[in-house]
Amino acid sequence: EGAKENNLKNITVNIPLHGLVCVSGVSGSGKSTLIKQIFAPALQKQLGLSSNKIGNFNKLSGDLKAIEHVEMIDQNPIGRSSRSNPATYVKAFDYIRDLFAKQQASKIRGLKPGYFSYNVPGGRCEECKGEGEITITMQFMADVKLQCDECKGKRYKAETLEIEYKSKSIFDILNMSIEEAITFFDSKDRTEQKILERIQPLFDLGLGYLKLGQSSSTLSGGEAQRIKLASFLIKGGNAKVKINPTLFLFDEPTTGLHFHDISKLLLAFNRLIAVGHSIVVIEHNMEILKSADWIIDIGPEGGKLGGQVIYEGTPENLIKCKTSYTGQFLKEKLVSK
């Protein structure tokens, strides 16, 4: 209530903590400021989760006990180093290493799962420290990356690559696409099933083309965002893991997505909502907006002419709001010709 930061001017905003809530409006109208700089940090502080700086506001009220945690699913990289990849982020790599450690050749040599990690010394190539490439620092130019001469980009020692699972080395598996891996790990083996549980949500979110071991530095912001979402879907599908009611915040998750992938994203949102979570999305995409339970439209323009709540309510009623640009575009989606 009474948010006043950048171009937000003395407004009161009602954000339901249930279902899919979309915050819309033209670029520069104040959507991100409202959610990312005021609402999210204020809510996190109220719940004792953060003490980060908060934009100016008068009061935060409502049924705050309805949620216990806040997750900002942004487009930042999924890991702190280039060694991070989809398999490590969703914990599938832990089980892949277990499979290789269980092979007879590994047992004879006394190799444990940690040997097959490229984050620590053991089976990794020590010339490139498991990177698969050597970085040459240039004083006045961008750094140059060259394939490691020792491992030829395979990240592991030759003796590590000699150990195979179903005729595949660990490099071969990490070089598989997620779609290929789902076909590969198709047995009733308990460890394989654990791997499938962790990579299936990635495929369901339209990421089947990514490689299991693809470096996080090569992923787009939208891909990183969906990988983070997949990790929460994995937790939600595990009956043994207690899931605290969480408010998920997304900033334009449909950027760069094909129409069919947007449908998959909506299915993922519905899965989270079905198990008791809440979702707030900053979005322009009409497919997402028409599926929302509640829309908050900020405007009417950008910059100094923005920062006002133009509309709050259902998508069906937004199309009646003549001052909303969002409503005008949404009308084409909701009103049959």
C-alpha atoms as a PDB file:
ATOM      1  CA  GLU A   1       0.000   0.000   0.000  1.00  0.00           C
ATOM      2  CA  GLY A   2       1.228   3.510  -0.780  1.00  0.00           C
ATOM      3  CA  ALA A   3       4.163   2.373  -2.926  1.00  0.00           C
ATOM      4  CA  LYS A   4       6.263   5.300  -4.097  1.00  0.00           C
ATOM      5  CA  GLU A   5       9.465   4.368  -5.894  1.00  0.00           C
ATOM      6  CA  ASN A   6      10.663   5.631  -9.293  1.00  0.00           C
ATOM      7  CA  ASN A   7       7.419   6.253 -11.194  1.00  0.00           C
ATOM      8  CA  LEU A   8       5.048   4.509  -8.759  1.00  0.00           C
ATOM      9  CA  LYS A   9       2.849   7.188  -7.218  1.00  0.00           C
ATOM     10  CA  ASN A  10       0.867   6.544  -4.024  1.00  0.00           C
ATOM     11  CA  ILE A  11      -0.878   3.386  -5.135  1.00  0.00           C
ATOM     12  CA  THR A  12      -2.487   0.528  -3.242  1.00  0.00           C
ATOM     13  CA  VAL A  13      -2.053  -2.882  -4.841  1.00  0.00           C
ATOM     14  CA  ASN A  14      -3.896  -6.091  -3.959  1.00  0.00           C
ATOM     15  CA  ILE A  15      -1.831  -9.186  -4.786  1.00  0.00           C
ATOM     16  CA  PRO A  16      -3.760 -12.430  -4.076  1.00  0.00           C
ATOM     17  CA  LEU A  17      -1.573 -15.142  -2.548  1.00  0.00           C
ATOM     18  CA  HIS A  18      -3.205 -17.919  -4.529  1.00  0.00           C
ATOM     19  CA  GLY A  19      -3.345 -19.013  -8.152  1.00  0.00           C
ATOM     20  CA  LEU A  20      -1.591 -17.281 -11.047  1.00  0.00           C
ATOM     21  CA  VAL A  21      -1.257 -13.499 -10.680  1.00  0.00           C
ATOM     22  CA  CYS A  22       0.101 -11.481 -13.626  1.00  0.00           C
ATOM     23  CA  VAL A  23       1.484  -7.950 -13.468  1.00  0.00           C
ATOM     24  CA  SER A  24       1.203  -6.317 -16.892  1.00  0.00           C
ATOM     25  CA  GLY A  25       1.707  -2.935 -18.519  1.00  0.00           C
ATOM     26  CA  VAL A  26       3.837  -1.142 -21.097  1.00  0.00           C
ATOM     27  CA  SER A  27       7.625  -1.057 -20.757  1.00  0.00           C
ATOM     28  CA  GLY A  28       8.744   1.373 -18.048  1.00  0.00           C
ATOM     29  CA  SER A  29       5.352   1.531 -16.366  1.00  0.00           C
ATOM     30  CA  GLY A  30       6.706   0.280 -13.028  1.00  0.00           C
ATOM     31  CA  LYS A  31       5.997  -3.478 -13.077  1.00  0.00           C
ATOM     32  CA  SER A  32       9.492  -4.664 -12.146  1.00  0.00           C
ATOM     33  CA  THR A  33       9.949  -1.867  -9.613  1.00  0.00           C
ATOM     34  CA  LEU A  34       6.729  -2.817  -7.867  1.00  0.00           C
ATOM     35  CA  ILE A  35       7.441  -6.555  -7.687  1.00  0.00           C
ATOM     36  CA  LYS A  36      11.243  -6.864  -7.571  1.00  0.00           C
ATOM     37  CA  GLN A  37      12.213  -3.729  -5.632  1.00  0.00           C
ATOM     38  CA  ILE A  38       9.250  -3.306  -3.283  1.00  0.00           C
ATOM     39  CA  PHE A  39       6.890  -6.263  -2.930  1.00  0.00           C
ATOM     40  CA  ALA A  40       9.381  -9.162  -2.959  1.00  0.00           C
ATOM     41  CA  PRO A  41      11.976  -7.694  -0.542  1.00  0.00           C
ATOM     42  CA  ALA A  42       9.226  -6.355   1.762  1.00  0.00           C
ATOM     43  CA  LEU A  43       7.594  -9.785   1.918  1.00  0.00           C
ATOM     44  CA  GLN A  44      10.935 -11.529   2.470  1.00  0.00           C
ATOM     45  CA  LYS A  45      11.723  -9.178   5.333  1.00  0.00           C
ATOM     46  CA  GLN A  46       8.268  -9.722   6.855  1.00  0.00           C
ATOM     47  CA  LEU A  47       8.873 -13.485   6.757  1.00  0.00           C
ATOM     48  CA  GLY A  48      12.362 -13.113   8.225  1.00  0.00           C
ATOM     49  CA  LEU A  49      14.023 -14.375   5.042  1.00  0.00           C
ATOM     50  CA  SER A  50      16.035 -11.318   4.049  1.00  0.00           C
ATOM     51  CA  SER A  51      17.201  -7.901   5.170  1.00  0.00           C
ATOM     52  CA  ASN A  52      17.911  -6.495   1.696  1.00  0.00           C
ATOM     53  CA  LYS A  53      17.126  -2.891   0.826  1.00  0.00           C
ATOM     54  CA  ILE A  54      13.456  -2.228   0.105  1.00  0.00           C
ATOM     55  CA  GLY A  55      11.918   0.515  -2.019  1.00  0.00           C
ATOM     56  CA  ASN A  56       9.720   3.073  -0.247  1.00  0.00           C
ATOM     57  CA  PHE A  57       6.260   1.887   0.786  1.00  0.00           C
ATOM     58  CA  ASN A  58       3.812   2.589   3.601  1.00  0.00           C
ATOM     59  CA  LYS A  59       2.361  -0.762   4.618  1.00  0.00           C
ATOM     60  CA  LEU A  60       2.326  -4.470   3.791  1.00  0.00           C
ATOM     61  CA  SER A  61      -0.758  -6.277   5.050  1.00  0.00           C
ATOM     62  CA  GLY A  62      -2.843  -9.363   4.378  1.00  0.00           C
ATOM     63  CA  ASP A  63      -2.752 -13.089   5.070  1.00  0.00           C
ATOM     64  CA  LEU A  64       1.027 -13.311   5.154  1.00  0.00           C
ATOM     65  CA  LYS A  65       0.847 -16.663   6.954  1.00  0.00           C
ATOM     66  CA  ALA A  66      -0.461 -18.208   3.737  1.00  0.00           C
ATOM     67  CA  ILE A  67       3.136 -18.559   2.525  1.00  0.00           C
ATOM     68  CA  GLU A  68       6.387 -19.505   4.215  1.00  0.00           C
ATOM     69  CA  HIS A  69       8.936 -18.808   1.532  1.00  0.00           C
ATOM     70  CA  VAL A  70       9.602 -16.507  -1.447  1.00  0.00           C
ATOM     71  CA  GLU A  71      11.518 -17.598  -4.558  1.00  0.00           C
ATOM     72  CA  MET A  72      12.543 -15.155  -7.279  1.00  0.00           C
ATOM     73  CA  ILE A  73      13.025 -17.304 -10.391  1.00  0.00           C
ATOM     74  CA  ASP A  74      15.138 -14.874 -12.382  1.00  0.00           C
ATOM     75  CA  GLN A  75      17.251 -15.190 -15.512  1.00  0.00           C
ATOM     76  CA  ASN A  76      20.614 -15.204 -13.745  1.00  0.00           C
ATOM     77  CA  PRO A  77      22.984 -18.136 -14.503  1.00  0.00           C
ATOM     78  CA  ILE A  78      22.238 -21.451 -12.769  1.00  0.00           C
ATOM     79  CA  GLY A  79      25.717 -21.753 -11.259  1.00  0.00           C
ATOM     80  CA  ARG A  80      28.735 -19.748 -10.219  1.00  0.00           C
ATOM     81  CA  SER A  81      31.136 -21.481 -12.617  1.00  0.00           C
ATOM     82  CA  SER A  82      31.098 -22.809 -16.186  1.00  0.00           C
ATOM     83  CA  ARG A  83      31.179 -26.339 -14.721  1.00  0.00           C
ATOM     84  CA  SER A  84      27.546 -25.934 -13.672  1.00  0.00           C
ATOM     85  CA  ASN A  85      25.124 -27.569 -16.099  1.00  0.00           C
ATOM     86  CA  PRO A  86      21.528 -28.881 -16.240  1.00  0.00           C
ATOM     87  CA  ALA A  87      22.547 -32.303 -14.862  1.00  0.00           C
ATOM     88  CA  THR A  88      24.331 -30.854 -11.828  1.00  0.00           C
ATOM     89  CA  TYR A  89      21.610 -28.291 -11.098  1.00  0.00           C
ATOM     90  CA  VAL A  90      18.774 -30.834 -10.902  1.00  0.00           C
ATOM     91  CA  LYS A  91      21.029 -33.336  -9.053  1.00  0.00           C
ATOM     92  CA  ALA A  92      20.889 -35.930 -11.861  1.00  0.00           C
ATOM     93  CA  PHE A  93      24.701 -35.961 -12.087  1.00  0.00           C
ATOM     94  CA  ASP A  94      24.941 -37.418  -8.569  1.00  0.00           C
ATOM     95  CA  TYR A  95      23.112 -40.535  -9.748  1.00  0.00           C
ATOM     96  CA  ILE A  96      24.998 -40.704 -13.053  1.00  0.00           C
ATOM     97  CA  ARG A  97      28.259 -40.844 -11.089  1.00  0.00           C
ATOM     98  CA  ASP A  98      26.761 -43.548  -8.858  1.00  0.00           C
ATOM     99  CA  LEU A  99      26.066 -45.678 -11.950  1.00  0.00           C
ATOM    100  CA  PHE A 100      29.695 -45.476 -13.068  1.00  0.00           C
ATOM    101  CA  ALA A 101      31.003 -46.215  -9.576  1.00  0.00           C
ATOM    102  CA  LYS A 102      28.895 -49.421  -9.543  1.00  0.00           C
ATOM    103  CA  GLN A 103      30.536 -50.825 -12.674  1.00  0.00           C
ATOM    104  CA  GLN A 104      32.846 -53.811 -12.222  1.00  0.00           C
ATOM    105  CA  ALA A 105      35.844 -51.919 -13.619  1.00  0.00           C
ATOM    106  CA  SER A 106      35.296 -49.193 -11.000  1.00  0.00           C
ATOM    107  CA  LYS A 107      34.960 -51.704  -8.158  1.00  0.00           C
ATOM    108  CA  ILE A 108      38.218 -53.422  -9.152  1.00  0.00           C
ATOM    109  CA  ARG A 109      40.028 -50.073  -9.078  1.00  0.00           C
ATOM    110  CA  GLY A 110      38.259 -48.927  -5.907  1.00  0.00           C
ATOM    111  CA  LEU A 111      36.720 -45.884  -7.589  1.00  0.00           C
ATOM    112  CA  LYS A 112      33.976 -44.006  -5.727  1.00  0.00           C
ATOM    113  CA  PRO A 113      31.326 -41.672  -7.248  1.00  0.00           C
ATOM    114  CA  GLY A 114      33.480 -38.626  -6.451  1.00  0.00           C
ATOM    115  CA  TYR A 115      36.117 -39.893  -8.865  1.00  0.00           C
ATOM    116  CA  PHE A 116      33.747 -39.147 -11.755  1.00  0.00           C
ATOM    117  CA  SER A 117      33.218 -35.513 -10.780  1.00  0.00           C
ATOM    118  CA  TYR A 118      35.041 -32.828 -12.734  1.00  0.00           C
ATOM    119  CA  ASN A 119      34.767 -30.361  -9.855  1.00  0.00           C
ATOM    120  CA  VAL A 120      37.388 -32.097  -7.691  1.00  0.00           C
ATOM    121  CA  PRO A 121      40.690 -33.892  -8.401  1.00  0.00           C
ATOM    122  CA  GLY A 122      40.372 -37.575  -9.215  1.00  0.00           C
ATOM    123  CA  GLY A 123      39.194 -38.725 -12.597  1.00  0.00           C
ATOM    124  CA  ARG A 124      39.043 -35.293 -14.186  1.00  0.00           C
ATOM    125  CA  CYS A 125      41.686 -33.903 -16.508  1.00  0.00           C
ATOM    126  CA  GLU A 126      44.065 -31.915 -14.331  1.00  0.00           C
ATOM    127  CA  GLU A 127      45.460 -29.945 -17.252  1.00  0.00           C
ATOM    128  CA  CYS A 128      42.161 -28.026 -17.636  1.00  0.00           C
ATOM    129  CA  LYS A 129      40.732 -28.851 -14.167  1.00  0.00           C
ATOM    130  CA  GLY A 130      37.701 -30.507 -15.763  1.00  0.00           C
ATOM    131  CA  GLU A 131      36.800 -27.493 -17.900  1.00  0.00           C
ATOM    132  CA  GLY A 132      37.563 -29.155 -21.221  1.00  0.00           C
ATOM    133  CA  GLU A 133      39.226 -25.948 -22.368  1.00  0.00           C
ATOM    134  CA  ILE A 134      42.070 -23.663 -21.439  1.00  0.00           C
ATOM    135  CA  THR A 135      41.454 -19.936 -20.940  1.00  0.00           C
ATOM    136  CA  ILE A 136      44.171 -17.603 -22.176  1.00  0.00           C
ATOM    137  CA  THR A 137      43.991 -14.172 -20.582  1.00  0.00           C
ATOM    138  CA  MET A 138      44.515 -11.337 -23.055  1.00  0.00           C
ATOM    139  CA  GLN A 139      45.657  -8.040 -21.610  1.00  0.00           C
ATOM    140  CA  PHE A 140      43.719  -5.693 -23.888  1.00  0.00           C
ATOM    141  CA  MET A 141      41.229  -8.106 -25.489  1.00  0.00           C
ATOM    142  CA  ALA A 142      38.600 -10.619 -24.440  1.00  0.00           C
ATOM    143  CA  ASP A 143      39.923 -13.886 -23.012  1.00  0.00           C
ATOM    144  CA  VAL A 144      40.471 -16.673 -25.534  1.00  0.00           C
ATOM    145  CA  LYS A 145      39.274 -20.231 -24.816  1.00  0.00           C
ATOM    146  CA  LEU A 146      41.044 -23.144 -26.506  1.00  0.00           C
ATOM    147  CA  GLN A 147      40.244 -26.849 -26.397  1.00  0.00           C
ATOM    148  CA  CYS A 148      42.398 -28.670 -23.871  1.00  0.00           C
ATOM    149  CA  ASP A 149      45.171 -30.594 -25.678  1.00  0.00           C
ATOM    150  CA  GLU A 150      45.344 -33.191 -22.904  1.00  0.00           C
ATOM    151  CA  CYS A 151      41.705 -34.379 -22.829  1.00  0.00           C
ATOM    152  CA  LYS A 152      40.601 -32.981 -26.232  1.00  0.00           C
ATOM    153  CA  GLY A 153      37.651 -31.258 -24.574  1.00  0.00           C
ATOM    154  CA  LYS A 154      36.367 -34.404 -22.825  1.00  0.00           C
ATOM    155  CA  ARG A 155      37.146 -33.138 -19.309  1.00  0.00           C
ATOM    156  CA  TYR A 156      38.305 -36.520 -17.992  1.00  0.00           C
ATOM    157  CA  LYS A 157      41.485 -38.597 -17.923  1.00  0.00           C
ATOM    158  CA  ALA A 158      41.770 -41.376 -20.529  1.00  0.00           C
ATOM    159  CA  GLU A 159      41.503 -44.073 -17.823  1.00  0.00           C
ATOM    160  CA  THR A 160      38.259 -42.523 -16.561  1.00  0.00           C
ATOM    161  CA  LEU A 161      36.751 -42.651 -20.034  1.00  0.00           C
ATOM    162  CA  GLU A 162      37.625 -46.372 -20.265  1.00  0.00           C
ATOM    163  CA  ILE A 163      34.864 -47.124 -17.754  1.00  0.00           C
ATOM    164  CA  GLU A 164      31.558 -47.456 -19.550  1.00  0.00           C
ATOM    165  CA  TYR A 165      27.894 -47.862 -18.692  1.00  0.00           C
ATOM    166  CA  LYS A 166      25.794 -49.486 -21.430  1.00  0.00           C
ATOM    167  CA  SER A 167      28.723 -48.894 -23.838  1.00  0.00           C
ATOM    168  CA  LYS A 168      28.851 -45.164 -23.014  1.00  0.00           C
ATOM    169  CA  SER A 169      31.592 -43.239 -21.206  1.00  0.00           C
ATOM    170  CA  ILE A 170      30.642 -40.524 -18.740  1.00  0.00           C
ATOM    171  CA  PHE A 171      31.603 -37.956 -21.387  1.00  0.00           C
ATOM    172  CA  ASP A 172      29.250 -39.625 -23.883  1.00  0.00           C
ATOM    173  CA  ILE A 173      26.353 -39.383 -21.424  1.00  0.00           C
ATOM    174  CA  LEU A 174      27.034 -35.760 -20.520  1.00  0.00           C
ATOM    175  CA  ASN A 175      27.149 -35.002 -24.253  1.00  0.00           C
ATOM    176  CA  MET A 176      23.642 -36.454 -24.734  1.00  0.00           C
ATOM    177  CA  SER A 177      20.682 -34.151 -25.147  1.00  0.00           C
ATOM    178  CA  ILE A 178      18.077 -34.372 -22.398  1.00  0.00           C
ATOM    179  CA  GLU A 179      15.708 -35.991 -24.899  1.00  0.00           C
ATOM    180  CA  GLU A 180      18.330 -38.627 -25.794  1.00  0.00           C
ATOM    181  CA  ALA A 181      19.037 -39.258 -22.113  1.00  0.00           C
ATOM    182  CA  ILE A 182      15.357 -39.944 -21.388  1.00  0.00           C
ATOM    183  CA  THR A 183      15.446 -42.694 -24.020  1.00  0.00           C
ATOM    184  CA  PHE A 184      18.816 -43.998 -22.765  1.00  0.00           C
ATOM    185  CA  PHE A 185      17.805 -44.264 -19.099  1.00  0.00           C
ATOM    186  CA  ASP A 186      14.691 -46.321 -19.765  1.00  0.00           C
ATOM    187  CA  SER A 187      15.253 -49.415 -17.611  1.00  0.00           C
ATOM    188  CA  LYS A 188      13.688 -50.303 -14.268  1.00  0.00           C
ATOM    189  CA  ASP A 189      17.048 -49.831 -12.554  1.00  0.00           C
ATOM    190  CA  ARG A 190      16.440 -47.780  -9.408  1.00  0.00           C
ATOM    191  CA  THR A 191      19.316 -45.381 -10.083  1.00  0.00           C
ATOM    192  CA  GLU A 192      18.186 -44.841 -13.677  1.00  0.00           C
ATOM    193  CA  GLN A 193      14.690 -44.058 -12.404  1.00  0.00           C
ATOM    194  CA  LYS A 194      16.168 -41.427 -10.072  1.00  0.00           C
ATOM    195  CA  ILE A 195      17.904 -39.836 -13.055  1.00  0.00           C
ATOM    196  CA  LEU A 196      14.683 -39.849 -15.076  1.00  0.00           C
ATOM    197  CA  GLU A 197      12.778 -38.214 -12.210  1.00  0.00           C
ATOM    198  CA  ARG A 198      15.230 -35.320 -12.350  1.00  0.00           C
ATOM    199  CA  ILE A 199      15.518 -34.778 -16.092  1.00  0.00           C
ATOM    200  CA  GLN A 200      11.887 -35.381 -17.100  1.00  0.00           C
ATOM    201  CA  PRO A 201      10.756 -31.917 -15.837  1.00  0.00           C
ATOM    202  CA  LEU A 202      13.480 -30.338 -18.003  1.00  0.00           C
ATOM    203  CA  PHE A 203      12.037 -32.111 -21.032  1.00  0.00           C
ATOM    204  CA  ASP A 204       8.484 -31.196 -20.009  1.00  0.00           C
ATOM    205  CA  LEU A 205       9.495 -27.522 -19.993  1.00  0.00           C
ATOM    206  CA  GLY A 206      10.731 -27.698 -23.585  1.00  0.00           C
ATOM    207  CA  LEU A 207      14.446 -28.083 -22.789  1.00  0.00           C
ATOM    208  CA  GLY A 208      14.926 -31.504 -24.383  1.00  0.00           C
ATOM    209  CA  TYR A 209      17.435 -30.066 -26.864  1.00  0.00           C
ATOM    210  CA  LEU A 210      19.935 -29.017 -24.157  1.00  0.00           C
ATOM    211  CA  LYS A 211      22.858 -31.338 -23.398  1.00  0.00           C
ATOM    212  CA  LEU A 212      23.044 -32.812 -19.911  1.00  0.00           C
ATOM    213  CA  GLY A 213      26.544 -31.416 -19.434  1.00  0.00           C
ATOM    214  CA  GLN A 214      26.038 -28.125 -21.296  1.00  0.00           C
ATOM    215  CA  SER A 215      27.945 -25.328 -19.602  1.00  0.00           C
ATOM    216  CA  SER A 216      25.809 -22.789 -17.760  1.00  0.00           C
ATOM    217  CA  SER A 217      27.718 -20.021 -19.539  1.00  0.00           C
ATOM    218  CA  THR A 218      26.094 -21.048 -22.851  1.00  0.00           C
ATOM    219  CA  LEU A 219      22.508 -20.982 -21.541  1.00  0.00           C
ATOM    220  CA  SER A 220      20.156 -18.094 -22.216  1.00  0.00           C
ATOM    221  CA  GLY A 221      18.399 -16.295 -19.372  1.00  0.00           C
ATOM    222  CA  GLY A 222      15.116 -17.950 -20.279  1.00  0.00           C
ATOM    223  CA  GLU A 223      16.707 -21.408 -20.298  1.00  0.00           C
ATOM    224  CA  ALA A 224      18.285 -20.780 -16.894  1.00  0.00           C
ATOM    225  CA  GLN A 225      14.906 -19.654 -15.551  1.00  0.00           C
ATOM    226  CA  ARG A 226      13.174 -22.830 -16.744  1.00  0.00           C
ATOM    227  CA  ILE A 227      15.924 -25.048 -15.301  1.00  0.00           C
ATOM    228  CA  LYS A 228      15.342 -23.391 -11.922  1.00  0.00           C
ATOM    229  CA  LEU A 229      11.605 -23.986 -12.304  1.00  0.00           C
ATOM    230  CA  ALA A 230      12.272 -27.650 -13.126  1.00  0.00           C
ATOM    231  CA  SER A 231      14.212 -28.075  -9.877  1.00  0.00           C
ATOM    232  CA  PHE A 232      11.150 -26.966  -7.902  1.00  0.00           C
ATOM    233  CA  LEU A 233       8.883 -29.282  -9.890  1.00  0.00           C
ATOM    234  CA  ILE A 234      11.198 -32.162  -8.929  1.00  0.00           C
ATOM    235  CA  LYS A 235      10.873 -31.293  -5.246  1.00  0.00           C
ATOM    236  CA  GLY A 236       7.113 -30.953  -5.605  1.00  0.00           C
ATOM    237  CA  GLY A 237       6.874 -34.412  -7.123  1.00  0.00           C
ATOM    238  CA  ASN A 238       8.711 -36.034  -4.224  1.00  0.00           C
ATOM    239  CA  ALA A 239       6.171 -37.048  -1.575  1.00  0.00           C
ATOM    240  CA  LYS A 240       8.965 -37.501   0.982  1.00  0.00           C
ATOM    241  CA  VAL A 241      10.038 -33.855   0.764  1.00  0.00           C
ATOM    242  CA  LYS A 242       7.995 -31.379   2.798  1.00  0.00           C
ATOM    243  CA  ILE A 243       7.217 -28.413   0.545  1.00  0.00           C
ATOM    244  CA  ASN A 244       6.537 -25.160   2.368  1.00  0.00           C
ATOM    245  CA  PRO A 245       3.872 -22.967   0.735  1.00  0.00           C
ATOM    246  CA  THR A 246       5.974 -20.751  -1.498  1.00  0.00           C
ATOM    247  CA  LEU A 247       5.374 -17.604  -3.529  1.00  0.00           C
ATOM    248  CA  PHE A 248       7.206 -17.889  -6.850  1.00  0.00           C
ATOM    249  CA  LEU A 249       8.063 -14.657  -8.676  1.00  0.00           C
ATOM    250  CA  PHE A 250       8.886 -14.739 -12.405  1.00  0.00           C
ATOM    251  CA  ASP A 251      10.109 -11.892 -14.600  1.00  0.00           C
ATOM    252  CA  GLU A 252       8.908 -12.396 -18.197  1.00  0.00           C
ATOM    253  CA  PRO A 253       9.549 -16.171 -18.333  1.00  0.00           C
ATOM    254  CA  THR A 254       8.130 -16.451 -21.885  1.00  0.00           C
ATOM    255  CA  THR A 255      10.930 -14.418 -23.483  1.00  0.00           C
ATOM    256  CA  GLY A 256      12.110 -16.299 -26.574  1.00  0.00           C
ATOM    257  CA  LEU A 257       9.671 -19.186 -26.088  1.00  0.00           C
ATOM    258  CA  HIS A 258       7.768 -20.923 -28.872  1.00  0.00           C
ATOM    259  CA  PHE A 259       3.979 -21.107 -28.526  1.00  0.00           C
ATOM    260  CA  HIS A 260       4.114 -24.833 -27.633  1.00  0.00           C
ATOM    261  CA  ASP A 261       6.709 -24.181 -24.921  1.00  0.00           C
ATOM    262  CA  ILE A 262       4.474 -21.492 -23.419  1.00  0.00           C
ATOM    263  CA  SER A 263       1.781 -24.159 -23.053  1.00  0.00           C
ATOM    264  CA  LYS A 264       4.301 -26.364 -21.219  1.00  0.00           C
ATOM    265  CA  LEU A 265       5.200 -23.451 -18.955  1.00  0.00           C
ATOM    266  CA  LEU A 266       1.535 -22.956 -18.044  1.00  0.00           C
ATOM    267  CA  LEU A 267       1.239 -26.665 -17.199  1.00  0.00           C
ATOM    268  CA  ALA A 268       4.253 -26.292 -14.897  1.00  0.00           C
ATOM    269  CA  PHE A 269       2.648 -23.268 -13.208  1.00  0.00           C
ATOM    270  CA  ASN A 270      -0.535 -25.282 -12.662  1.00  0.00           C
ATOM    271  CA  ARG A 271       1.451 -28.135 -11.098  1.00  0.00           C
ATOM    272  CA  LEU A 272       2.978 -25.736  -8.573  1.00  0.00           C
ATOM    273  CA  ILE A 273      -0.407 -24.162  -7.792  1.00  0.00           C
ATOM    274  CA  ALA A 274      -2.002 -27.600  -7.394  1.00  0.00           C
ATOM    275  CA  VAL A 275       0.338 -28.465  -4.498  1.00  0.00           C
ATOM    276  CA  GLY A 276      -0.339 -25.195  -2.647  1.00  0.00           C
ATOM    277  CA  HIS A 277       2.108 -22.671  -4.060  1.00  0.00           C
ATOM    278  CA  SER A 278       1.380 -19.175  -5.429  1.00  0.00           C
ATOM    279  CA  ILE A 279       2.784 -17.516  -8.552  1.00  0.00           C
ATOM    280  CA  VAL A 280       3.272 -13.863  -9.505  1.00  0.00           C
ATOM    281  CA  VAL A 281       4.488 -13.210 -13.054  1.00  0.00           C
ATOM    282  CA  ILE A 282       5.638  -9.966 -14.664  1.00  0.00           C
ATOM    283  CA  GLU A 283       4.500 -10.606 -18.214  1.00  0.00           C
ATOM    284  CA  HIS A 284       3.548  -9.192 -21.626  1.00  0.00           C
ATOM    285  CA  ASN A 285       2.598 -12.458 -23.297  1.00  0.00           C
ATOM    286  CA  MET A 286      -1.131 -12.674 -24.007  1.00  0.00           C
ATOM    287  CA  GLU A 287      -1.229 -16.481 -23.715  1.00  0.00           C
ATOM    288  CA  ILE A 288      -0.071 -16.214 -20.116  1.00  0.00           C
ATOM    289  CA  LEU A 289      -2.245 -13.193 -19.332  1.00  0.00           C
ATOM    290  CA  LYS A 290      -5.449 -14.799 -20.599  1.00  0.00           C
ATOM    291  CA  SER A 291      -4.739 -17.812 -18.343  1.00  0.00           C
ATOM    292  CA  ALA A 292      -4.227 -15.712 -15.201  1.00  0.00           C
ATOM    293  CA  ASP A 293      -6.547 -15.841 -12.222  1.00  0.00           C
ATOM    294  CA  TRP A 294      -5.849 -12.161 -11.485  1.00  0.00           C
ATOM    295  CA  ILE A 295      -4.220  -9.337 -13.432  1.00  0.00           C
ATOM    296  CA  ILE A 296      -2.698  -6.114 -12.113  1.00  0.00           C
ATOM    297  CA  ASP A 297      -2.206  -3.680 -15.002  1.00  0.00           C
ATOM    298  CA  ILE A 298       0.218  -0.791 -14.417  1.00  0.00           C
ATOM    299  CA  GLY A 299       0.297   2.303 -16.636  1.00  0.00           C
ATOM    300  CA  PRO A 300      -1.117   4.030 -18.492  1.00  0.00           C
ATOM    301  CA  GLU A 301       2.220   4.864 -20.155  1.00  0.00           C
ATOM    302  CA  GLY A 302       5.883   4.408 -19.278  1.00  0.00           C
ATOM    303  CA  GLY A 303       8.213   6.623 -17.263  1.00  0.00           C
ATOM    304  CA  LYS A 304       6.665   9.666 -15.592  1.00  0.00           C
ATOM    305  CA  LEU A 305       3.301   8.890 -17.191  1.00  0.00           C
ATOM    306  CA  GLY A 306       3.182   5.441 -15.621  1.00  0.00           C
ATOM    307  CA  GLY A 307       3.142   4.075 -12.092  1.00  0.00           C
ATOM    308  CA  GLN A 308      -0.639   3.930 -11.668  1.00  0.00           C
ATOM    309  CA  VAL A 309      -2.862   0.893 -11.186  1.00  0.00           C
ATOM    310  CA  ILE A 310      -5.025   0.910 -14.302  1.00  0.00           C
ATOM    311  CA  TYR A 311      -6.853  -2.299 -13.477  1.00  0.00           C
ATOM    312  CA  GLU A 312      -7.077  -5.152 -10.966  1.00  0.00           C
ATOM    313  CA  GLY A 313      -9.217  -8.215 -11.587  1.00  0.00           C
ATOM    314  CA  THR A 314      -9.853 -11.095 -13.975  1.00  0.00           C
ATOM    315  CA  PRO A 315      -8.674 -11.179 -17.607  1.00  0.00           C
ATOM    316  CA  GLU A 316     -12.284 -11.215 -18.803  1.00  0.00           C
ATOM    317  CA  ASN A 317     -13.016  -7.846 -17.216  1.00  0.00           C
ATOM    318  CA  LEU A 318      -9.682  -6.275 -18.214  1.00  0.00           C
ATOM    319  CA  ILE A 319     -10.824  -6.153 -21.840  1.00  0.00           C
ATOM    320  CA  LYS A 320     -13.542  -3.708 -20.764  1.00  0.00           C
ATOM    321  CA  CYS A 321     -10.945  -1.235 -19.453  1.00  0.00           C
ATOM    322  CA  LYS A 322     -10.595   1.345 -22.237  1.00  0.00           C
ATOM    323  CA  THR A 323      -7.487   3.001 -20.725  1.00  0.00           C
ATOM    324  CA  SER A 324      -5.491  -0.253 -20.697  1.00  0.00           C
ATOM    325  CA  TYR A 325      -3.264  -1.109 -23.655  1.00  0.00           C
ATOM    326  CA  THR A 326      -3.026  -4.645 -22.276  1.00  0.00           C
ATOM    327  CA  GLY A 327      -6.809  -4.943 -22.320  1.00  0.00           C
ATOM    328  CA  GLN A 328      -6.952  -3.888 -25.972  1.00  0.00           C
ATOM    329  CA  PHE A 329      -4.510  -6.608 -27.032  1.00  0.00           C
ATOM    330  CA  LEU A 330      -6.047  -9.190 -24.711  1.00  0.00           C
ATOM    331  CA  LYS A 331      -9.463  -8.570 -26.264  1.00  0.00           C
ATOM    332  CA  GLU A 332      -8.234 -10.166 -29.494  1.00  0.00           C
ATOM    333  CA  LYS A 333      -7.420 -13.357 -27.554  1.00  0.00           C
ATOM    334  CA  LEU A 334     -10.573 -13.572 -25.445  1.00  0.00           C
ATOM    335  CA  VAL A 335     -13.300 -12.350 -27.750  1.00  0.00           C
ATOM    336  CA  SER A 336     -14.180 -14.772 -30.531  1.00  0.00           C
ATOM    337  CA  LYS A 337     -14.546 -13.195 -33.933  1.00  0.00           C
END
